[in-house]
Amino acid sequence: MQWYYSKNGTQLGPVPQAELVAKLASGEVSLYDLVWKDGMADWIPASRVPELSSSSAQAPTAPAPPPAPVPADPSSATPYVPPASNPVPQPYSPVPGPVPGAGKATASLVLGIVALVTGLCGCYGLVIAITCGILAIVFGNQVKKEAALNPALHGELGKVKAGIITAWIGIGISVVFTIVLFALGAVSAAMQQGSP
């Protein structure tokens, strides 16, 4: 069994139980020093651990101080924390609240819709459709890159996909309508010049 102990405000160990008992017997570790082993909830004075008391361990020369009151929060009882022998990575748990990057996903969707609607206006909405479409695509791609590093953004990828698709459709419709309107204008002008 491996033990940790505190001495002069420093956390020391791990040491085998026999070695800690020997340190207690020699006086190197006091019965009032705090000890901890795996499975214990908190650090406690060595004098309160039956397995560390032996006939060879030193008896306290002064009366034992009264036990310290247990605070409401057990983590604040001692300044020491139990050592982590093999830290296990914890699964990702999202922090409640707004997710950084979620605003860009929403902006991508809204701008994509605006590009689609203004694209239906033909050449009148060409500038707005292309501008909003490009911004929707840029924001969407930024969120895709951020989602690779932040799993909390995976829920926003649907908005991003919809924003990028509507942006491309809006740009395409706007360009096609503009070309058709210019072609109709050219045909109309040619017909007017050809008629007597």
Foldseek 3Di string as FASTA:
>chain_A
DFKWWDDPRDIDDGDDLVVLLVCQLVVVADQQTWMDDPPDPATGRNVPDVSSDDPSGDDDPDDDDPDDDCDPDNVPPDPDDDDDPDDDDDDDDDDPDDDPLLVLLQLLLVLLQQLLVLLQVAQVSQVSNLVSLVSSLVSLVVLVVVCVVPVVSPVSNVSSVNSNVSSVNSNVSRVVSNVVVVVVVVVVVVVVVPDD
